[in-house]
Amino acid sequence: MTPMIAEYYTRALSLAYGLAFAGGLLWLVIWRDGVQWRKIARAYPMTGEAPAERRWLQTVCLSDGGLAFNSYHGIITAGLRPDGVMLRMLVAPPGVYPPIFVPFSEMEFTERRWFLRKDAVWISTRQVPGISIVVFDKLRDRIREGAAGRPLPAKRARPVAATNWPN
């Protein structure tokens, strides 16, 4: 093997080790960040039909009441069904952030400040009492309306595909 090829192999090997180390650290941080999410997902896995109403790019925080919390700012899709709320991460590594479905019957609402925001509602669940789901603004109002029994809108028809569009 010529010295030039040996140098390429050495550099490629060191690059592979560096990428594996950095990827492993990133995976560890992502895995550790999803601990609270996975606890709720184990208690309330996503089941049943698709939600009747969806809200994209929502902000949800998970808190255990202390200083540590997980903030998912603008990366949550919230789906509302007549019997509960579905939370799903927009882009998530497989197995780290599975979708969650919490029935309204399992929720308890508490109005409480969230740092500088006074409009937050903390949702406690019966099966995971140590972790609260903190929601804000329109999502907060819509979840409360759904829990109070206000009917959700009927599902919208899916757009017609170009293959069967009448020309």
N, C-alpha and C. Protein backbone atom coordinates (compact mmCIF):
# COMPACT_ATOMS: atom_id res chain seq x y z
N MET A 1 0.85 -1.17 0.00
CA MET A 1 0.00 0.00 0.00
C MET A 1 0.90 1.23 0.00
N THR A 2 0.55 2.16 -0.83
CA THR A 2 1.35 3.37 -0.91
C THR A 2 1.06 4.27 0.29
N PRO A 3 2.00 5.15 0.63
CA PRO A 3 1.79 6.04 1.78
C PRO A 3 0.56 6.94 1.62
N MET A 4 0.27 7.31 0.38
CA MET A 4 -0.87 8.19 0.16
C MET A 4 -2.19 7.48 0.48
N ILE A 5 -2.33 6.24 0.06
CA ILE A 5 -3.54 5.46 0.34
C ILE A 5 -3.64 5.17 1.84
N ALA A 6 -2.53 4.88 2.48
CA ALA A 6 -2.53 4.65 3.93
C ALA A 6 -2.99 5.90 4.67
N GLU A 7 -2.59 7.05 4.20
CA GLU A 7 -3.02 8.30 4.84
C GLU A 7 -4.52 8.49 4.66
N TYR A 8 -5.07 8.16 3.49
CA TYR A 8 -6.51 8.26 3.27
C TYR A 8 -7.27 7.33 4.22
N TYR A 9 -6.79 6.10 4.36
CA TYR A 9 -7.44 5.16 5.28
C TYR A 9 -7.39 5.68 6.71
N THR A 10 -6.26 6.23 7.12
CA THR A 10 -6.12 6.75 8.48
C THR A 10 -7.08 7.90 8.71
N ARG A 11 -7.16 8.81 7.76
CA ARG A 11 -8.08 9.95 7.91
C ARG A 11 -9.54 9.50 7.89
N ALA A 12 -9.88 8.57 7.03
CA ALA A 12 -11.25 8.06 6.97
C ALA A 12 -11.63 7.36 8.27
N LEU A 13 -10.68 6.60 8.82
CA LEU A 13 -10.93 5.90 10.08
C LEU A 13 -11.12 6.89 11.23
N SER A 14 -10.28 7.92 11.30
CA SER A 14 -10.44 8.90 12.38
C SER A 14 -11.73 9.70 12.20
N LEU A 15 -12.13 9.99 10.95
CA LEU A 15 -13.40 10.67 10.69
C LEU A 15 -14.57 9.79 11.13
N ALA A 16 -14.50 8.50 10.83
CA ALA A 16 -15.56 7.57 11.23
C ALA A 16 -15.69 7.50 12.74
N TYR A 17 -14.55 7.42 13.45
CA TYR A 17 -14.60 7.40 14.92
C TYR A 17 -15.18 8.70 15.46
N GLY A 18 -14.79 9.81 14.90
CA GLY A 18 -15.30 11.10 15.37
C GLY A 18 -16.80 11.24 15.14
N LEU A 19 -17.26 10.83 13.96
CA LEU A 19 -18.70 10.89 13.68
C LEU A 19 -19.49 9.94 14.57
N ALA A 20 -18.96 8.75 14.81
CA ALA A 20 -19.64 7.80 15.69
C ALA A 20 -19.71 8.35 17.11
N PHE A 21 -18.65 8.96 17.59
CA PHE A 21 -18.65 9.54 18.94
C PHE A 21 -19.65 10.69 19.04
N ALA A 22 -19.62 11.59 18.07
CA ALA A 22 -20.54 12.73 18.08
C ALA A 22 -22.00 12.26 17.94
N GLY A 23 -22.24 11.30 17.06
CA GLY A 23 -23.59 10.75 16.90
C GLY A 23 -24.07 10.06 18.17
N GLY A 24 -23.18 9.33 18.83
CA GLY A 24 -23.54 8.67 20.09
C GLY A 24 -23.89 9.67 21.17
N LEU A 25 -23.12 10.75 21.26
CA LEU A 25 -23.44 11.79 22.25
C LEU A 25 -24.77 12.46 21.94
N LEU A 26 -25.02 12.76 20.67
CA LEU A 26 -26.28 13.37 20.28
C LEU A 26 -27.45 12.44 20.61
N TRP A 27 -27.32 11.15 20.30
CA TRP A 27 -28.37 10.19 20.61
C TRP A 27 -28.60 10.11 22.11
N LEU A 28 -27.55 10.15 22.92
CA LEU A 28 -27.68 10.11 24.37
C LEU A 28 -28.45 11.32 24.90
N VAL A 29 -28.15 12.50 24.37
CA VAL A 29 -28.85 13.71 24.78
C VAL A 29 -30.33 13.64 24.40
N ILE A 30 -30.61 13.20 23.18
CA ILE A 30 -32.00 13.08 22.73
C ILE A 30 -32.74 12.04 23.56
N TRP A 31 -32.11 10.92 23.84
CA TRP A 31 -32.73 9.86 24.63
C TRP A 31 -33.02 10.35 26.05
N ARG A 32 -32.07 11.03 26.64
CA ARG A 32 -32.24 11.54 28.01
C ARG A 32 -33.31 12.63 28.07
N ASP A 33 -33.41 13.43 27.03
CA ASP A 33 -34.40 14.50 26.98
C ASP A 33 -35.82 13.96 26.90
N GLY A 34 -36.00 12.76 26.39
CA GLY A 34 -37.34 12.20 26.20
C GLY A 34 -37.84 11.33 27.33
N VAL A 35 -37.20 11.35 28.49
CA VAL A 35 -37.60 10.46 29.59
C VAL A 35 -39.03 10.75 30.05
N GLN A 36 -39.36 12.03 30.30
CA GLN A 36 -40.70 12.37 30.75
C GLN A 36 -41.74 12.04 29.68
N TRP A 37 -41.41 12.32 28.43
CA TRP A 37 -42.33 12.03 27.33
C TRP A 37 -42.64 10.54 27.28
N ARG A 38 -41.60 9.69 27.39
CA ARG A 38 -41.80 8.24 27.32
C ARG A 38 -42.59 7.71 28.50
N LYS A 39 -42.45 8.32 29.69
CA LYS A 39 -43.25 7.89 30.84
C LYS A 39 -44.73 8.11 30.57
N ILE A 40 -45.07 9.27 30.02
CA ILE A 40 -46.47 9.54 29.69
C ILE A 40 -46.94 8.63 28.55
N ALA A 41 -46.07 8.40 27.56
CA ALA A 41 -46.44 7.56 26.42
C ALA A 41 -46.67 6.11 26.83
N ARG A 42 -45.93 5.61 27.82
CA ARG A 42 -46.16 4.24 28.30
C ARG A 42 -47.53 4.14 28.99
N ALA A 43 -47.92 5.18 29.71
CA ALA A 43 -49.21 5.16 30.40
C ALA A 43 -50.37 5.43 29.45
N TYR A 44 -50.13 6.26 28.43
CA TYR A 44 -51.18 6.67 27.50
C TYR A 44 -50.72 6.50 26.06
N PRO A 45 -50.63 5.28 25.56
CA PRO A 45 -50.21 5.10 24.16
C PRO A 45 -51.31 5.55 23.20
N MET A 46 -50.90 5.93 22.01
CA MET A 46 -51.85 6.36 20.97
C MET A 46 -52.63 5.15 20.50
N THR A 47 -53.95 5.24 20.58
CA THR A 47 -54.81 4.15 20.13
C THR A 47 -55.99 4.75 19.38
N GLY A 48 -56.63 3.92 18.62
CA GLY A 48 -57.88 4.32 17.99
C GLY A 48 -57.72 5.13 16.72
N GLU A 49 -58.76 5.91 16.47
CA GLU A 49 -58.88 6.64 15.21
C GLU A 49 -58.03 7.89 15.17
N ALA A 50 -57.95 8.46 13.99
CA ALA A 50 -57.22 9.72 13.81
C ALA A 50 -58.02 10.86 14.45
N PRO A 51 -57.35 11.92 14.86
CA PRO A 51 -58.06 13.03 15.49
C PRO A 51 -58.95 13.78 14.50
N ALA A 52 -60.05 14.34 15.05
CA ALA A 52 -60.98 15.10 14.21
C ALA A 52 -60.45 16.50 13.91
N GLU A 53 -59.65 17.03 14.81
CA GLU A 53 -59.11 18.38 14.65
C GLU A 53 -57.62 18.33 14.96
N ARG A 54 -56.82 18.96 14.13
CA ARG A 54 -55.37 19.00 14.36
C ARG A 54 -54.89 20.43 14.46
N ARG A 55 -53.93 20.62 15.32
CA ARG A 55 -53.28 21.92 15.46
C ARG A 55 -51.78 21.68 15.32
N TRP A 56 -51.20 22.32 14.32
CA TRP A 56 -49.78 22.14 14.00
C TRP A 56 -48.93 23.15 14.75
N LEU A 57 -47.67 22.85 14.92
CA LEU A 57 -46.65 23.75 15.46
C LEU A 57 -47.05 24.33 16.82
N GLN A 58 -47.46 23.47 17.71
CA GLN A 58 -47.87 23.88 19.04
C GLN A 58 -46.70 23.79 20.01
N THR A 59 -46.81 24.52 21.11
CA THR A 59 -45.80 24.48 22.17
C THR A 59 -46.37 23.75 23.37
N VAL A 60 -45.65 22.75 23.83
CA VAL A 60 -46.03 21.98 25.00
C VAL A 60 -44.79 21.84 25.87
N CYS A 61 -44.97 21.96 27.17
CA CYS A 61 -43.88 21.74 28.11
C CYS A 61 -44.25 20.60 29.03
N LEU A 62 -43.28 19.80 29.42
CA LEU A 62 -43.47 18.76 30.41
C LEU A 62 -42.67 19.14 31.63
N SER A 63 -43.31 19.11 32.79
CA SER A 63 -42.64 19.54 34.01
C SER A 63 -42.98 18.60 35.16
N ASP A 64 -42.00 18.37 36.01
CA ASP A 64 -42.25 17.59 37.21
C ASP A 64 -42.45 18.50 38.43
N GLY A 65 -42.61 19.79 38.19
CA GLY A 65 -42.86 20.74 39.26
C GLY A 65 -41.60 21.40 39.79
N GLY A 66 -40.44 20.88 39.45
CA GLY A 66 -39.19 21.47 39.91
C GLY A 66 -38.62 22.42 38.87
N LEU A 67 -37.32 22.61 38.94
CA LEU A 67 -36.66 23.51 37.98
C LEU A 67 -36.44 22.86 36.63
N ALA A 68 -36.35 21.55 36.59
CA ALA A 68 -36.09 20.87 35.32
C ALA A 68 -37.40 20.67 34.56
N PHE A 69 -37.39 20.96 33.26
CA PHE A 69 -38.55 20.76 32.42
C PHE A 69 -38.08 20.54 31.00
N ASN A 70 -38.98 20.02 30.18
CA ASN A 70 -38.72 19.84 28.76
C ASN A 70 -39.69 20.72 28.00
N SER A 71 -39.16 21.59 27.14
CA SER A 71 -39.98 22.49 26.35
C SER A 71 -39.90 22.07 24.89
N TYR A 72 -41.04 21.78 24.32
CA TYR A 72 -41.13 21.41 22.92
C TYR A 72 -41.81 22.57 22.21
N HIS A 73 -41.02 23.56 21.85
CA HIS A 73 -41.54 24.81 21.31
C HIS A 73 -41.76 24.71 19.80
N GLY A 74 -43.02 24.69 19.41
CA GLY A 74 -43.36 24.70 17.99
C GLY A 74 -43.10 23.42 17.24
N ILE A 75 -42.92 22.29 17.93
CA ILE A 75 -42.63 21.04 17.22
C ILE A 75 -43.64 19.94 17.56
N ILE A 76 -44.79 20.33 18.10
CA ILE A 76 -45.81 19.35 18.49
C ILE A 76 -47.03 19.51 17.60
N THR A 77 -47.58 18.38 17.18
CA THR A 77 -48.89 18.36 16.54
C THR A 77 -49.87 17.87 17.59
N ALA A 78 -50.88 18.67 17.87
CA ALA A 78 -51.90 18.29 18.84
C ALA A 78 -53.16 17.92 18.07
N GLY A 79 -53.68 16.74 18.33
CA GLY A 79 -54.91 16.30 17.70
C GLY A 79 -55.98 16.15 18.76
N LEU A 80 -57.17 16.61 18.44
CA LEU A 80 -58.29 16.54 19.38
C LEU A 80 -59.34 15.58 18.87
N ARG A 81 -59.75 14.67 19.72
CA ARG A 81 -60.85 13.76 19.45
C ARG A 81 -61.93 14.02 20.49
N PRO A 82 -63.13 13.54 20.30
CA PRO A 82 -64.17 13.78 21.30
C PRO A 82 -63.84 13.21 22.67
N ASP A 83 -62.96 12.21 22.72
CA ASP A 83 -62.65 11.59 24.01
C ASP A 83 -61.28 11.96 24.57
N GLY A 84 -60.47 12.76 23.86
CA GLY A 84 -59.17 13.10 24.41
C GLY A 84 -58.27 13.87 23.46
N VAL A 85 -56.99 13.96 23.85
CA VAL A 85 -55.99 14.76 23.12
C VAL A 85 -54.84 13.86 22.71
N MET A 86 -54.41 14.01 21.46
CA MET A 86 -53.24 13.30 20.95
C MET A 86 -52.10 14.30 20.80
N LEU A 87 -50.92 13.93 21.28
CA LEU A 87 -49.72 14.75 21.11
C LEU A 87 -48.70 13.93 20.34
N ARG A 88 -48.14 14.55 19.31
CA ARG A 88 -47.15 13.86 18.47
C ARG A 88 -46.04 14.83 18.10
N MET A 89 -44.82 14.37 18.15
CA MET A 89 -43.67 15.18 17.76
C MET A 89 -43.62 15.24 16.23
N LEU A 90 -43.34 16.40 15.66
CA LEU A 90 -43.29 16.52 14.21
C LEU A 90 -42.22 15.64 13.60
N VAL A 91 -40.99 15.78 14.08
CA VAL A 91 -39.88 14.95 13.60
C VAL A 91 -39.21 14.37 14.83
N ALA A 92 -39.24 13.06 14.94
CA ALA A 92 -38.68 12.43 16.14
C ALA A 92 -37.95 11.15 15.76
N PRO A 93 -36.85 10.88 16.44
CA PRO A 93 -36.18 9.60 16.23
C PRO A 93 -37.11 8.46 16.66
N PRO A 94 -37.11 7.35 15.95
CA PRO A 94 -38.02 6.26 16.28
C PRO A 94 -37.80 5.74 17.70
N GLY A 95 -38.88 5.55 18.42
CA GLY A 95 -38.81 5.00 19.76
C GLY A 95 -38.53 5.99 20.87
N VAL A 96 -38.09 7.19 20.54
CA VAL A 96 -37.76 8.16 21.58
C VAL A 96 -38.98 8.97 21.98
N TYR A 97 -39.78 9.40 21.03
CA TYR A 97 -40.96 10.21 21.28
C TYR A 97 -42.19 9.58 20.61
N PRO A 98 -42.73 8.49 21.17
CA PRO A 98 -43.93 7.90 20.57
C PRO A 98 -45.14 8.80 20.78
N PRO A 99 -46.16 8.70 19.93
CA PRO A 99 -47.34 9.54 20.10
C PRO A 99 -48.08 9.21 21.40
N ILE A 100 -48.74 10.23 21.94
CA ILE A 100 -49.44 10.13 23.22
C ILE A 100 -50.92 10.42 22.98
N PHE A 101 -51.78 9.67 23.66
CA PHE A 101 -53.20 9.99 23.66
C PHE A 101 -53.69 9.99 25.11
N VAL A 102 -54.13 11.15 25.59
CA VAL A 102 -54.62 11.28 26.96
C VAL A 102 -56.12 11.54 26.92
N PRO A 103 -56.92 10.64 27.49
CA PRO A 103 -58.37 10.88 27.52
C PRO A 103 -58.73 12.05 28.44
N PHE A 104 -59.79 12.75 28.10
CA PHE A 104 -60.24 13.87 28.93
C PHE A 104 -60.58 13.41 30.34
N SER A 105 -61.07 12.18 30.47
CA SER A 105 -61.46 11.67 31.79
C SER A 105 -60.27 11.50 32.73
N GLU A 106 -59.06 11.45 32.19
CA GLU A 106 -57.85 11.26 33.00
C GLU A 106 -57.18 12.59 33.34
N MET A 107 -57.71 13.71 32.86
CA MET A 107 -57.04 15.01 33.02
C MET A 107 -57.59 15.80 34.20
N GLU A 108 -56.68 16.51 34.85
CA GLU A 108 -57.05 17.49 35.87
C GLU A 108 -56.33 18.79 35.51
N PHE A 109 -57.07 19.90 35.47
CA PHE A 109 -56.53 21.18 35.03
C PHE A 109 -56.21 22.07 36.22
N THR A 110 -55.05 22.74 36.17
CA THR A 110 -54.66 23.71 37.18
C THR A 110 -54.10 24.93 36.48
N GLU A 111 -54.66 26.10 36.79
CA GLU A 111 -54.11 27.34 36.25
C GLU A 111 -52.94 27.75 37.12
N ARG A 112 -51.82 28.02 36.48
CA ARG A 112 -50.61 28.35 37.23
C ARG A 112 -49.67 29.11 36.30
N ARG A 113 -48.88 29.96 36.86
CA ARG A 113 -47.90 30.71 36.04
C ARG A 113 -46.84 29.77 35.51
N TRP A 114 -46.38 30.09 34.32
CA TRP A 114 -45.23 29.38 33.75
C TRP A 114 -44.19 30.45 33.46
N PHE A 115 -43.25 30.58 34.36
CA PHE A 115 -42.23 31.61 34.30
C PHE A 115 -42.89 32.97 34.13
N LEU A 116 -42.76 33.65 33.01
CA LEU A 116 -43.36 34.97 32.84
C LEU A 116 -44.75 34.93 32.22
N ARG A 117 -45.25 33.76 31.95
CA ARG A 117 -46.58 33.65 31.32
C ARG A 117 -47.61 33.26 32.37
N LYS A 118 -48.65 34.07 32.48
CA LYS A 118 -49.68 33.77 33.46
C LYS A 118 -50.84 32.96 32.87
N ASP A 119 -50.80 32.72 31.57
CA ASP A 119 -51.92 32.05 30.90
C ASP A 119 -51.73 30.55 30.72
N ALA A 120 -50.88 29.95 31.50
CA ALA A 120 -50.59 28.53 31.33
C ALA A 120 -51.58 27.67 32.10
N VAL A 121 -51.87 26.50 31.56
CA VAL A 121 -52.66 25.50 32.26
C VAL A 121 -51.81 24.24 32.37
N TRP A 122 -51.71 23.74 33.58
CA TRP A 122 -50.98 22.51 33.86
C TRP A 122 -51.98 21.37 33.87
N ILE A 123 -51.74 20.38 33.04
CA ILE A 123 -52.62 19.22 32.95
C ILE A 123 -51.93 18.06 33.66
N SER A 124 -52.54 17.60 34.75
CA SER A 124 -52.04 16.43 35.47
C SER A 124 -52.87 15.23 35.05
N THR A 125 -52.23 14.09 34.99
CA THR A 125 -52.93 12.86 34.62
C THR A 125 -52.95 11.91 35.80
N ARG A 126 -53.92 11.02 35.82
CA ARG A 126 -54.06 10.09 36.94
C ARG A 126 -52.99 9.02 36.96
N GLN A 127 -52.59 8.53 35.80
CA GLN A 127 -51.62 7.44 35.76
C GLN A 127 -50.18 7.90 35.91
N VAL A 128 -49.89 9.16 35.59
CA VAL A 128 -48.54 9.71 35.73
C VAL A 128 -48.67 11.02 36.53
N PRO A 129 -48.90 10.94 37.84
CA PRO A 129 -49.19 12.16 38.60
C PRO A 129 -47.99 13.09 38.79
N GLY A 130 -46.78 12.61 38.65
CA GLY A 130 -45.60 13.43 38.89
C GLY A 130 -45.20 14.35 37.76
N ILE A 131 -45.76 14.14 36.58
CA ILE A 131 -45.39 14.94 35.41
C ILE A 131 -46.62 15.68 34.90
N SER A 132 -46.49 16.98 34.71
CA SER A 132 -47.59 17.79 34.19
C SER A 132 -47.31 18.20 32.75
N ILE A 133 -48.37 18.28 31.96
CA ILE A 133 -48.29 18.77 30.59
C ILE A 133 -48.75 20.23 30.64
N VAL A 134 -47.90 21.14 30.24
CA VAL A 134 -48.21 22.57 30.31
C VAL A 134 -48.53 23.05 28.89
N VAL A 135 -49.73 23.64 28.73
CA VAL A 135 -50.16 24.14 27.42
C VAL A 135 -50.55 25.61 27.55
N PHE A 136 -50.56 26.30 26.41
CA PHE A 136 -50.78 27.73 26.38
C PHE A 136 -51.81 28.11 25.32
N ASP A 137 -52.32 29.32 25.42
CA ASP A 137 -53.08 30.04 24.41
C ASP A 137 -54.25 29.24 23.84
N LYS A 138 -54.31 29.17 22.50
CA LYS A 138 -55.45 28.57 21.82
C LYS A 138 -55.56 27.07 22.09
N LEU A 139 -54.43 26.39 22.17
CA LEU A 139 -54.47 24.96 22.47
C LEU A 139 -55.06 24.73 23.85
N ARG A 140 -54.66 25.55 24.80
CA ARG A 140 -55.21 25.47 26.17
C ARG A 140 -56.73 25.62 26.13
N ASP A 141 -57.21 26.64 25.42
CA ASP A 141 -58.64 26.90 25.35
C ASP A 141 -59.38 25.75 24.67
N ARG A 142 -58.80 25.22 23.60
CA ARG A 142 -59.47 24.14 22.85
C ARG A 142 -59.52 22.85 23.66
N ILE A 143 -58.48 22.54 24.41
CA ILE A 143 -58.49 21.34 25.25
C ILE A 143 -59.55 21.49 26.34
N ARG A 144 -59.64 22.64 26.93
CA ARG A 144 -60.67 22.87 27.95
C ARG A 144 -62.07 22.72 27.37
N GLU A 145 -62.29 23.27 26.17
CA GLU A 145 -63.60 23.14 25.54
C GLU A 145 -63.93 21.68 25.25
N GLY A 146 -62.94 20.93 24.77
CA GLY A 146 -63.15 19.51 24.50
C GLY A 146 -63.46 18.73 25.76
N ALA A 147 -62.76 19.06 26.85
CA ALA A 147 -63.00 18.38 28.11
C ALA A 147 -64.37 18.74 28.68
N ALA A 148 -64.86 19.94 28.36
CA ALA A 148 -66.18 20.37 28.84
C ALA A 148 -67.30 19.77 28.00
N GLY A 149 -66.95 19.11 26.90
CA GLY A 149 -67.97 18.45 26.08
C GLY A 149 -68.40 19.20 24.85
N ARG A 150 -67.72 20.30 24.53
CA ARG A 150 -68.08 21.02 23.31
C ARG A 150 -67.73 20.15 22.12
N PRO A 151 -68.64 19.99 21.17
CA PRO A 151 -68.37 19.08 20.05
C PRO A 151 -67.22 19.60 19.16
N LEU A 152 -66.48 18.65 18.65
CA LEU A 152 -65.41 18.97 17.71
C LEU A 152 -65.98 19.06 16.30
N PRO A 153 -65.33 19.80 15.42
CA PRO A 153 -65.83 19.88 14.05
C PRO A 153 -65.71 18.53 13.35
N ALA A 154 -66.56 18.31 12.37
CA ALA A 154 -66.49 17.06 11.59
C ALA A 154 -65.19 17.03 10.82
N LYS A 155 -64.73 15.82 10.54
CA LYS A 155 -63.49 15.68 9.77
C LYS A 155 -63.64 16.31 8.41
N ARG A 156 -62.59 17.00 7.99
CA ARG A 156 -62.59 17.58 6.66
C ARG A 156 -62.28 16.51 5.63
N ALA A 157 -62.87 16.66 4.46
CA ALA A 157 -62.58 15.71 3.39
C ALA A 157 -61.15 15.92 2.93
N ARG A 158 -60.50 14.85 2.59
CA ARG A 158 -59.13 14.94 2.08
C ARG A 158 -59.15 15.55 0.69
N PRO A 159 -58.09 16.27 0.32
CA PRO A 159 -58.06 16.86 -1.03
C PRO A 159 -58.07 15.77 -2.10
N VAL A 160 -58.66 16.09 -3.19
CA VAL A 160 -58.76 15.14 -4.30
C VAL A 160 -57.40 15.02 -4.96
N ALA A 161 -57.01 13.79 -5.23
CA ALA A 161 -55.72 13.55 -5.88
C ALA A 161 -55.79 14.00 -7.34
N ALA A 162 -54.63 14.33 -7.88
CA ALA A 162 -54.56 14.82 -9.27
C ALA A 162 -54.98 13.74 -10.27
N THR A 163 -54.86 12.47 -9.88
CA THR A 163 -55.18 11.40 -10.84
C THR A 163 -56.67 11.28 -11.07
N ASN A 164 -57.50 11.67 -10.10
CA ASN A 164 -58.93 11.53 -10.31
C ASN A 164 -59.63 12.89 -10.37
N TRP A 165 -58.88 13.92 -10.56
CA TRP A 165 -59.44 15.27 -10.69
C TRP A 165 -60.11 15.39 -12.05
N PRO A 166 -61.35 15.83 -12.11
CA PRO A 166 -62.01 15.93 -13.43
C PRO A 166 -61.44 17.09 -14.23
N ASN A 167 -61.10 16.81 -15.47
CA ASN A 167 -60.55 17.84 -16.36
C ASN A 167 -61.53 18.22 -17.43
